Amino acid sequence: MSALIDALVIVAVAALVIVRQVGASRVDTDRRWWLLPVVLAVVALREPHLLDAHHFSASAVILGAELLVGLATGIGWAWTTRIGVESDGAVWSKSTRSSVGVWVLGISLRAGLFALGALFGVHQNSSALLLALAGTLLVRSGILIRRARRLDRSTVPGPAYGEHTVRTTWKERV
């Protein structure tokens, strides 16, 4: 796959994820939350030049660091996301300002890794970024699903007789 297509896929997925997380989104614990990250990882791993042949060790270290930054970003993003339960038992999530900080830090660290690789003359491919994004989304989704399943939905009061409005209880704070 060409670098332009990889870049477009990365931008499209990042835009989709960011737009979905700016507002509240429903956490569905029954759906296949792992499917998008797996597809992204497969697309990234299909690239034959994931590691630089001339600087194999250095590119492997940078790729490993990129993956660790991606996983740490996913963990930080998941734990800074607010989770709430509605009166009907539906679980919702919403990113916070801290989540934005985690994203900014993760992007800054990735830019630093890219600059470090460029300093050493390591050819870096967009597949590493795509693979790290897949790791970020996989870890974040997994942690959110686990947090949503642990919520005690029995303590949420049901609607009163004749009440047609939905009340949101945001009890969990980060």
N, C-alpha and C. Protein backbone atom coordinates (compact mmCIF):
# COMPACT_ATOMS: atom_id res chain seq x y z
N MET A 1 0.85 -1.16 0.00
CA MET A 1 0.00 0.00 0.00
C MET A 1 0.90 1.23 0.00
N SER A 2 0.54 2.25 -0.73
CA SER A 2 1.39 3.43 -0.84
C SER A 2 1.32 4.25 0.44
N ALA A 3 2.31 5.11 0.59
CA ALA A 3 2.38 5.95 1.79
C ALA A 3 1.21 6.93 1.83
N LEU A 4 0.77 7.38 0.67
CA LEU A 4 -0.36 8.31 0.63
C LEU A 4 -1.64 7.65 1.14
N ILE A 5 -1.87 6.42 0.73
CA ILE A 5 -3.06 5.70 1.18
C ILE A 5 -2.96 5.42 2.68
N ASP A 6 -1.77 5.04 3.15
CA ASP A 6 -1.57 4.83 4.58
C ASP A 6 -1.87 6.11 5.36
N ALA A 7 -1.37 7.23 4.86
CA ALA A 7 -1.60 8.50 5.54
C ALA A 7 -3.08 8.85 5.56
N LEU A 8 -3.77 8.59 4.46
CA LEU A 8 -5.21 8.87 4.42
C LEU A 8 -5.98 7.98 5.38
N VAL A 9 -5.58 6.71 5.47
CA VAL A 9 -6.24 5.79 6.41
C VAL A 9 -6.01 6.25 7.84
N ILE A 10 -4.78 6.66 8.16
CA ILE A 10 -4.47 7.13 9.52
C ILE A 10 -5.28 8.37 9.86
N VAL A 11 -5.33 9.33 8.94
CA VAL A 11 -6.08 10.56 9.19
C VAL A 11 -7.57 10.26 9.32
N ALA A 12 -8.11 9.38 8.46
CA ALA A 12 -9.54 9.06 8.52
C ALA A 12 -9.89 8.37 9.83
N VAL A 13 -9.08 7.40 10.26
CA VAL A 13 -9.37 6.68 11.50
C VAL A 13 -9.23 7.62 12.69
N ALA A 14 -8.17 8.44 12.71
CA ALA A 14 -7.99 9.37 13.83
C ALA A 14 -9.15 10.37 13.89
N ALA A 15 -9.58 10.87 12.73
CA ALA A 15 -10.71 11.81 12.71
C ALA A 15 -11.98 11.14 13.20
N LEU A 16 -12.23 9.92 12.76
CA LEU A 16 -13.41 9.18 13.19
C LEU A 16 -13.40 8.97 14.70
N VAL A 17 -12.27 8.55 15.23
CA VAL A 17 -12.17 8.29 16.66
C VAL A 17 -12.33 9.57 17.46
N ILE A 18 -11.68 10.65 17.03
CA ILE A 18 -11.76 11.91 17.77
C ILE A 18 -13.17 12.47 17.74
N VAL A 19 -13.81 12.44 16.58
CA VAL A 19 -15.18 12.95 16.47
C VAL A 19 -16.12 12.15 17.35
N ARG A 20 -15.95 10.84 17.37
CA ARG A 20 -16.82 9.99 18.19
C ARG A 20 -16.61 10.22 19.67
N GLN A 21 -15.41 10.65 20.08
CA GLN A 21 -15.12 10.78 21.50
C GLN A 21 -15.31 12.19 22.03
N VAL A 22 -15.50 13.18 21.17
CA VAL A 22 -15.72 14.54 21.65
C VAL A 22 -17.05 14.60 22.41
N GLY A 23 -18.06 13.99 21.85
CA GLY A 23 -19.35 13.92 22.53
C GLY A 23 -19.48 12.60 23.26
N ALA A 24 -20.54 12.47 23.98
CA ALA A 24 -20.79 11.21 24.67
C ALA A 24 -21.13 10.12 23.67
N SER A 25 -20.61 8.93 23.90
CA SER A 25 -20.92 7.81 23.03
C SER A 25 -21.28 6.60 23.87
N ARG A 26 -22.18 5.83 23.38
CA ARG A 26 -22.65 4.66 24.10
C ARG A 26 -21.60 3.55 24.06
N VAL A 27 -21.39 2.92 25.19
CA VAL A 27 -20.46 1.80 25.30
C VAL A 27 -21.27 0.53 25.17
N ASP A 28 -21.09 -0.17 24.08
CA ASP A 28 -21.81 -1.42 23.84
C ASP A 28 -20.87 -2.58 24.14
N THR A 29 -21.10 -3.25 25.25
CA THR A 29 -20.20 -4.31 25.67
C THR A 29 -20.38 -5.60 24.87
N ASP A 30 -21.41 -5.66 24.03
CA ASP A 30 -21.66 -6.88 23.27
C ASP A 30 -21.10 -6.84 21.85
N ARG A 31 -20.71 -5.68 21.37
CA ARG A 31 -20.25 -5.61 19.98
C ARG A 31 -18.79 -6.03 19.87
N ARG A 32 -18.31 -6.13 18.66
CA ARG A 32 -16.92 -6.53 18.42
C ARG A 32 -16.03 -5.29 18.47
N TRP A 33 -15.66 -4.89 19.65
CA TRP A 33 -14.87 -3.69 19.89
C TRP A 33 -13.44 -3.84 19.38
N TRP A 34 -12.98 -5.02 19.17
CA TRP A 34 -11.61 -5.29 18.77
C TRP A 34 -11.43 -5.31 17.25
N LEU A 35 -12.52 -5.24 16.48
CA LEU A 35 -12.45 -5.44 15.04
C LEU A 35 -11.66 -4.33 14.32
N LEU A 36 -11.95 -3.07 14.58
CA LEU A 36 -11.24 -1.98 13.92
C LEU A 36 -9.73 -2.01 14.22
N PRO A 37 -9.31 -2.18 15.48
CA PRO A 37 -7.87 -2.26 15.73
C PRO A 37 -7.20 -3.44 15.02
N VAL A 38 -7.88 -4.57 14.93
CA VAL A 38 -7.30 -5.73 14.25
C VAL A 38 -7.14 -5.46 12.76
N VAL A 39 -8.15 -4.83 12.15
CA VAL A 39 -8.06 -4.48 10.73
C VAL A 39 -6.90 -3.52 10.50
N LEU A 40 -6.76 -2.51 11.36
CA LEU A 40 -5.65 -1.56 11.23
C LEU A 40 -4.30 -2.25 11.38
N ALA A 41 -4.20 -3.18 12.31
CA ALA A 41 -2.95 -3.91 12.51
C ALA A 41 -2.62 -4.78 11.29
N VAL A 42 -3.62 -5.42 10.72
CA VAL A 42 -3.39 -6.25 9.53
C VAL A 42 -2.92 -5.38 8.37
N VAL A 43 -3.55 -4.22 8.19
CA VAL A 43 -3.13 -3.31 7.12
C VAL A 43 -1.69 -2.86 7.36
N ALA A 44 -1.34 -2.57 8.60
CA ALA A 44 0.02 -2.12 8.91
C ALA A 44 1.04 -3.23 8.72
N LEU A 45 0.70 -4.45 9.10
CA LEU A 45 1.65 -5.55 9.01
C LEU A 45 1.82 -6.08 7.59
N ARG A 46 0.92 -5.71 6.69
CA ARG A 46 1.06 -6.13 5.30
C ARG A 46 2.16 -5.37 4.59
N GLU A 47 2.56 -4.24 5.14
CA GLU A 47 3.62 -3.43 4.54
C GLU A 47 4.95 -4.18 4.65
N PRO A 48 5.63 -4.40 3.52
CA PRO A 48 6.87 -5.19 3.57
C PRO A 48 8.05 -4.45 4.20
N HIS A 49 8.02 -3.13 4.26
CA HIS A 49 9.16 -2.37 4.77
C HIS A 49 8.84 -1.71 6.10
N LEU A 50 8.31 -2.51 7.02
CA LEU A 50 7.98 -1.98 8.34
C LEU A 50 9.25 -1.59 9.08
N LEU A 51 10.32 -2.37 8.90
CA LEU A 51 11.62 -2.07 9.51
C LEU A 51 12.61 -1.70 8.41
N ASP A 52 13.48 -0.75 8.71
CA ASP A 52 14.50 -0.31 7.77
C ASP A 52 15.58 -1.38 7.68
N ALA A 53 15.85 -1.86 6.47
CA ALA A 53 16.83 -2.93 6.26
C ALA A 53 18.25 -2.45 6.57
N HIS A 54 18.55 -1.18 6.37
CA HIS A 54 19.89 -0.66 6.60
C HIS A 54 20.15 -0.33 8.06
N HIS A 55 19.11 -0.07 8.81
CA HIS A 55 19.22 0.24 10.24
C HIS A 55 18.21 -0.64 11.00
N PHE A 56 18.38 -1.93 10.86
CA PHE A 56 17.39 -2.87 11.38
C PHE A 56 17.21 -2.73 12.89
N SER A 57 18.30 -2.72 13.64
CA SER A 57 18.20 -2.66 15.10
C SER A 57 17.59 -1.34 15.56
N ALA A 58 18.06 -0.24 14.99
CA ALA A 58 17.54 1.07 15.39
C ALA A 58 16.06 1.20 15.04
N SER A 59 15.67 0.70 13.87
CA SER A 59 14.25 0.80 13.50
C SER A 59 13.39 -0.12 14.35
N ALA A 60 13.93 -1.25 14.77
CA ALA A 60 13.18 -2.15 15.66
C ALA A 60 12.98 -1.50 17.03
N VAL A 61 14.01 -0.80 17.52
CA VAL A 61 13.90 -0.13 18.82
C VAL A 61 12.89 1.01 18.72
N ILE A 62 12.94 1.77 17.63
CA ILE A 62 11.99 2.88 17.46
C ILE A 62 10.57 2.34 17.31
N LEU A 63 10.41 1.24 16.57
CA LEU A 63 9.08 0.63 16.44
C LEU A 63 8.57 0.14 17.79
N GLY A 64 9.43 -0.48 18.58
CA GLY A 64 9.04 -0.92 19.92
C GLY A 64 8.64 0.25 20.81
N ALA A 65 9.41 1.33 20.73
CA ALA A 65 9.07 2.52 21.52
C ALA A 65 7.76 3.12 21.03
N GLU A 66 7.54 3.11 19.72
CA GLU A 66 6.28 3.62 19.16
C GLU A 66 5.09 2.81 19.67
N LEU A 67 5.26 1.49 19.72
CA LEU A 67 4.18 0.62 20.23
C LEU A 67 3.94 0.86 21.71
N LEU A 68 5.01 1.03 22.49
CA LEU A 68 4.84 1.31 23.91
C LEU A 68 4.14 2.64 24.14
N VAL A 69 4.49 3.66 23.36
CA VAL A 69 3.81 4.96 23.47
C VAL A 69 2.34 4.80 23.10
N GLY A 70 2.06 4.02 22.05
CA GLY A 70 0.67 3.78 21.65
C GLY A 70 -0.13 3.08 22.74
N LEU A 71 0.46 2.06 23.35
CA LEU A 71 -0.23 1.35 24.43
C LEU A 71 -0.43 2.24 25.64
N ALA A 72 0.59 3.02 25.99
CA ALA A 72 0.45 3.94 27.12
C ALA A 72 -0.60 5.01 26.85
N THR A 73 -0.67 5.48 25.61
CA THR A 73 -1.69 6.46 25.25
C THR A 73 -3.08 5.85 25.38
N GLY A 74 -3.23 4.60 24.94
CA GLY A 74 -4.52 3.93 25.07
C GLY A 74 -4.93 3.74 26.53
N ILE A 75 -3.98 3.38 27.37
CA ILE A 75 -4.27 3.20 28.80
C ILE A 75 -4.65 4.53 29.43
N GLY A 76 -3.85 5.56 29.15
CA GLY A 76 -4.15 6.88 29.71
C GLY A 76 -5.48 7.43 29.23
N TRP A 77 -5.76 7.23 27.96
CA TRP A 77 -7.01 7.71 27.38
C TRP A 77 -8.21 7.00 28.01
N ALA A 78 -8.08 5.69 28.22
CA ALA A 78 -9.18 4.92 28.80
C ALA A 78 -9.44 5.33 30.25
N TRP A 79 -8.40 5.57 31.01
CA TRP A 79 -8.59 5.90 32.42
C TRP A 79 -8.96 7.35 32.66
N THR A 80 -8.79 8.21 31.65
CA THR A 80 -9.23 9.60 31.80
C THR A 80 -10.59 9.83 31.15
N THR A 81 -11.20 8.80 30.64
CA THR A 81 -12.53 8.90 30.05
C THR A 81 -13.57 8.71 31.13
N ARG A 82 -14.55 9.57 31.14
CA ARG A 82 -15.63 9.51 32.13
C ARG A 82 -16.66 8.49 31.65
N ILE A 83 -17.14 7.67 32.57
CA ILE A 83 -18.17 6.67 32.26
C ILE A 83 -19.38 6.95 33.14
N GLY A 84 -20.55 6.88 32.53
CA GLY A 84 -21.78 7.10 33.27
C GLY A 84 -22.84 6.10 32.88
N VAL A 85 -23.80 5.92 33.76
CA VAL A 85 -24.90 4.99 33.53
C VAL A 85 -26.19 5.78 33.53
N GLU A 86 -27.01 5.56 32.53
CA GLU A 86 -28.32 6.21 32.48
C GLU A 86 -29.32 5.38 33.27
N SER A 87 -30.49 5.95 33.46
CA SER A 87 -31.51 5.27 34.26
C SER A 87 -31.98 3.97 33.62
N ASP A 88 -31.83 3.84 32.31
CA ASP A 88 -32.23 2.59 31.65
C ASP A 88 -31.11 1.55 31.67
N GLY A 89 -29.97 1.87 32.27
CA GLY A 89 -28.86 0.92 32.37
C GLY A 89 -27.84 1.06 31.26
N ALA A 90 -28.06 1.94 30.31
CA ALA A 90 -27.11 2.14 29.21
C ALA A 90 -25.86 2.83 29.75
N VAL A 91 -24.71 2.37 29.29
CA VAL A 91 -23.43 2.94 29.72
C VAL A 91 -22.91 3.87 28.63
N TRP A 92 -22.49 5.05 29.04
CA TRP A 92 -21.98 6.06 28.11
C TRP A 92 -20.59 6.47 28.54
N SER A 93 -19.77 6.86 27.56
CA SER A 93 -18.43 7.36 27.87
C SER A 93 -18.23 8.70 27.19
N LYS A 94 -17.37 9.50 27.80
CA LYS A 94 -17.04 10.80 27.24
C LYS A 94 -15.62 11.14 27.65
N SER A 95 -14.83 11.55 26.67
CA SER A 95 -13.46 11.97 26.96
C SER A 95 -13.47 13.28 27.72
N THR A 96 -12.44 13.48 28.52
CA THR A 96 -12.31 14.68 29.34
C THR A 96 -11.15 15.53 28.83
N ARG A 97 -10.91 16.64 29.50
CA ARG A 97 -9.75 17.48 29.16
C ARG A 97 -8.46 16.70 29.38
N SER A 98 -8.46 15.87 30.39
CA SER A 98 -7.27 15.04 30.64
C SER A 98 -7.02 14.09 29.48
N SER A 99 -8.09 13.60 28.86
CA SER A 99 -7.94 12.73 27.70
C SER A 99 -7.27 13.47 26.55
N VAL A 100 -7.64 14.73 26.37
CA VAL A 100 -6.99 15.54 25.34
C VAL A 100 -5.51 15.71 25.67
N GLY A 101 -5.20 15.90 26.93
CA GLY A 101 -3.80 16.00 27.36
C GLY A 101 -3.02 14.72 27.06
N VAL A 102 -3.66 13.58 27.29
CA VAL A 102 -3.02 12.30 26.99
C VAL A 102 -2.73 12.20 25.49
N TRP A 103 -3.71 12.60 24.66
CA TRP A 103 -3.52 12.58 23.21
C TRP A 103 -2.38 13.49 22.79
N VAL A 104 -2.35 14.71 23.33
CA VAL A 104 -1.29 15.66 22.97
C VAL A 104 0.08 15.11 23.38
N LEU A 105 0.16 14.54 24.57
CA LEU A 105 1.41 13.95 25.02
C LEU A 105 1.82 12.78 24.13
N GLY A 106 0.88 11.92 23.79
CA GLY A 106 1.19 10.79 22.92
C GLY A 106 1.67 11.22 21.54
N ILE A 107 1.01 12.22 20.98
CA ILE A 107 1.43 12.71 19.66
C ILE A 107 2.80 13.37 19.75
N SER A 108 3.05 14.10 20.84
CA SER A 108 4.36 14.73 21.02
C SER A 108 5.47 13.69 21.14
N LEU A 109 5.21 12.64 21.89
CA LEU A 109 6.21 11.58 22.02
C LEU A 109 6.45 10.87 20.69
N ARG A 110 5.39 10.66 19.92
CA ARG A 110 5.56 10.04 18.60
C ARG A 110 6.35 10.93 17.66
N ALA A 111 6.08 12.23 17.72
CA ALA A 111 6.85 13.17 16.89
C ALA A 111 8.32 13.17 17.31
N GLY A 112 8.57 13.07 18.61
CA GLY A 112 9.94 12.98 19.10
C GLY A 112 10.64 11.72 18.62
N LEU A 113 9.92 10.61 18.63
CA LEU A 113 10.50 9.36 18.12
C LEU A 113 10.80 9.45 16.62
N PHE A 114 9.91 10.09 15.89
CA PHE A 114 10.14 10.27 14.46
C PHE A 114 11.38 11.14 14.23
N ALA A 115 11.50 12.22 15.01
CA ALA A 115 12.66 13.10 14.88
C ALA A 115 13.95 12.37 15.26
N LEU A 116 13.89 11.54 16.28
CA LEU A 116 15.05 10.76 16.69
C LEU A 116 15.47 9.80 15.59
N GLY A 117 14.49 9.13 14.99
CA GLY A 117 14.80 8.23 13.89
C GLY A 117 15.39 8.96 12.69
N ALA A 118 14.83 10.14 12.38
CA ALA A 118 15.36 10.93 11.27
C ALA A 118 16.78 11.40 11.57
N LEU A 119 17.07 11.69 12.83
CA LEU A 119 18.41 12.12 13.23
C LEU A 119 19.44 11.01 12.97
N PHE A 120 19.03 9.77 13.22
CA PHE A 120 19.92 8.63 13.00
C PHE A 120 19.84 8.07 11.58
N GLY A 121 19.04 8.68 10.74
CA GLY A 121 18.95 8.24 9.35
C GLY A 121 18.10 7.00 9.14
N VAL A 122 17.22 6.71 10.07
CA VAL A 122 16.36 5.53 9.97
C VAL A 122 15.15 5.88 9.11
N HIS A 123 14.93 5.08 8.07
CA HIS A 123 13.75 5.27 7.22
C HIS A 123 12.54 4.74 7.98
N GLN A 124 11.56 5.62 8.20
CA GLN A 124 10.38 5.24 8.95
C GLN A 124 9.17 5.25 8.05
N ASN A 125 8.35 4.26 8.22
CA ASN A 125 7.18 4.09 7.39
C ASN A 125 5.94 4.46 8.19
N SER A 126 4.88 4.81 7.50
CA SER A 126 3.63 5.15 8.20
C SER A 126 2.96 3.92 8.81
N SER A 127 3.42 2.73 8.44
CA SER A 127 2.84 1.51 9.01
C SER A 127 3.10 1.41 10.50
N ALA A 128 4.24 1.94 10.96
CA ALA A 128 4.52 1.92 12.40
C ALA A 128 3.50 2.76 13.15
N LEU A 129 3.18 3.91 12.59
CA LEU A 129 2.17 4.78 13.21
C LEU A 129 0.80 4.11 13.19
N LEU A 130 0.48 3.45 12.10
CA LEU A 130 -0.80 2.75 11.98
C LEU A 130 -0.89 1.59 12.99
N LEU A 131 0.22 0.88 13.16
CA LEU A 131 0.26 -0.22 14.13
C LEU A 131 0.12 0.31 15.56
N ALA A 132 0.77 1.43 15.86
CA ALA A 132 0.64 2.03 17.19
C ALA A 132 -0.78 2.54 17.43
N LEU A 133 -1.40 3.10 16.40
CA LEU A 133 -2.79 3.55 16.52
C LEU A 133 -3.71 2.36 16.79
N ALA A 134 -3.46 1.24 16.13
CA ALA A 134 -4.25 0.03 16.38
C ALA A 134 -4.09 -0.42 17.83
N GLY A 135 -2.86 -0.37 18.35
CA GLY A 135 -2.63 -0.73 19.74
C GLY A 135 -3.33 0.21 20.70
N THR A 136 -3.29 1.51 20.38
CA THR A 136 -3.97 2.51 21.21
C THR A 136 -5.46 2.23 21.29
N LEU A 137 -6.07 2.01 20.14
CA LEU A 137 -7.52 1.76 20.10
C LEU A 137 -7.89 0.44 20.77
N LEU A 138 -7.07 -0.59 20.57
CA LEU A 138 -7.36 -1.89 21.17
C LEU A 138 -7.31 -1.82 22.70
N VAL A 139 -6.27 -1.20 23.23
CA VAL A 139 -6.13 -1.11 24.68
C VAL A 139 -7.22 -0.23 25.28
N ARG A 140 -7.47 0.92 24.64
CA ARG A 140 -8.50 1.83 25.16
C ARG A 140 -9.86 1.16 25.17
N SER A 141 -10.23 0.53 24.06
CA SER A 141 -11.54 -0.12 23.99
C SER A 141 -11.65 -1.25 24.99
N GLY A 142 -10.60 -2.03 25.12
CA GLY A 142 -10.63 -3.14 26.07
C GLY A 142 -10.82 -2.67 27.51
N ILE A 143 -10.11 -1.61 27.89
CA ILE A 143 -10.24 -1.09 29.25
C ILE A 143 -11.62 -0.48 29.46
N LEU A 144 -12.13 0.26 28.47
CA LEU A 144 -13.47 0.84 28.62
C LEU A 144 -14.54 -0.24 28.73
N ILE A 145 -14.43 -1.29 27.94
CA ILE A 145 -15.40 -2.38 28.02
C ILE A 145 -15.33 -3.03 29.40
N ARG A 146 -14.12 -3.22 29.90
CA ARG A 146 -13.98 -3.83 31.23
C ARG A 146 -14.55 -2.92 32.31
N ARG A 147 -14.29 -1.62 32.22
CA ARG A 147 -14.85 -0.67 33.19
C ARG A 147 -16.37 -0.65 33.10
N ALA A 148 -16.91 -0.70 31.89
CA ALA A 148 -18.37 -0.67 31.72
C ALA A 148 -19.01 -1.93 32.29
N ARG A 149 -18.37 -3.06 32.14
CA ARG A 149 -18.94 -4.30 32.67
C ARG A 149 -18.89 -4.36 34.19
N ARG A 150 -17.93 -3.63 34.79
CA ARG A 150 -17.81 -3.65 36.25
C ARG A 150 -18.78 -2.71 36.94
N LEU A 151 -19.39 -1.81 36.19
CA LEU A 151 -20.33 -0.87 36.81
C LEU A 151 -21.53 -1.63 37.37
N ASP A 152 -21.96 -1.20 38.53
CA ASP A 152 -23.13 -1.81 39.15
C ASP A 152 -24.36 -1.07 38.66
N ARG A 153 -25.07 -1.66 37.73
CA ARG A 153 -26.23 -1.00 37.14
C ARG A 153 -27.48 -1.16 38.00
N SER A 154 -27.41 -1.99 39.02
CA SER A 154 -28.60 -2.19 39.85
C SER A 154 -28.84 -1.01 40.79
N THR A 155 -27.84 -0.19 41.03
CA THR A 155 -28.02 0.94 41.94
C THR A 155 -28.59 2.17 41.24
N VAL A 156 -28.71 2.13 39.92
CA VAL A 156 -29.27 3.26 39.19
C VAL A 156 -30.78 3.24 39.36
N PRO A 157 -31.35 4.35 39.84
CA PRO A 157 -32.79 4.37 40.05
C PRO A 157 -33.53 4.32 38.72
N GLY A 158 -34.61 3.59 38.69
CA GLY A 158 -35.43 3.52 37.49
C GLY A 158 -36.28 4.77 37.36
N PRO A 159 -36.85 4.98 36.21
CA PRO A 159 -37.68 6.17 36.04
C PRO A 159 -38.95 6.06 36.88
N ALA A 160 -39.40 7.20 37.37
CA ALA A 160 -40.63 7.24 38.14
C ALA A 160 -41.81 7.01 37.20
N TYR A 161 -42.94 6.67 37.78
CA TYR A 161 -44.13 6.41 36.98
C TYR A 161 -44.50 7.65 36.18
N GLY A 162 -44.64 7.49 34.87
CA GLY A 162 -45.03 8.59 34.01
C GLY A 162 -43.88 9.49 33.59
N GLU A 163 -42.68 9.20 34.05
CA GLU A 163 -41.54 10.03 33.69
C GLU A 163 -40.99 9.59 32.34
N HIS A 164 -40.87 10.52 31.42
CA HIS A 164 -40.40 10.17 30.08
C HIS A 164 -39.05 10.76 29.76
N THR A 165 -38.44 11.46 30.68
CA THR A 165 -37.13 12.04 30.42
C THR A 165 -36.05 11.09 30.88
N VAL A 166 -34.90 11.20 30.26
CA VAL A 166 -33.76 10.36 30.61
C VAL A 166 -32.81 11.18 31.46
N ARG A 167 -32.50 10.67 32.65
CA ARG A 167 -31.54 11.34 33.51
C ARG A 167 -30.22 10.61 33.42
N THR A 168 -29.18 11.37 33.33
CA THR A 168 -27.84 10.77 33.29
C THR A 168 -27.19 10.96 34.64
N THR A 169 -26.62 9.89 35.16
CA THR A 169 -25.90 9.99 36.42
C THR A 169 -24.43 9.80 36.13
N TRP A 170 -23.68 10.88 36.22
CA TRP A 170 -22.24 10.83 36.03
C TRP A 170 -21.58 10.83 37.40
N LYS A 171 -21.48 9.67 37.99
CA LYS A 171 -20.94 9.56 39.34
C LYS A 171 -19.43 9.41 39.35
N GLU A 172 -18.90 8.80 38.33
CA GLU A 172 -17.47 8.52 38.31
C GLU A 172 -16.70 9.75 37.85
N ARG A 173 -15.72 10.14 38.60
CA ARG A 173 -14.88 11.27 38.25
C ARG A 173 -13.45 10.77 38.11
N VAL A 174 -12.72 11.43 37.22
CA VAL A 174 -11.32 11.05 37.00
C VAL A 174 -10.44 12.08 37.65
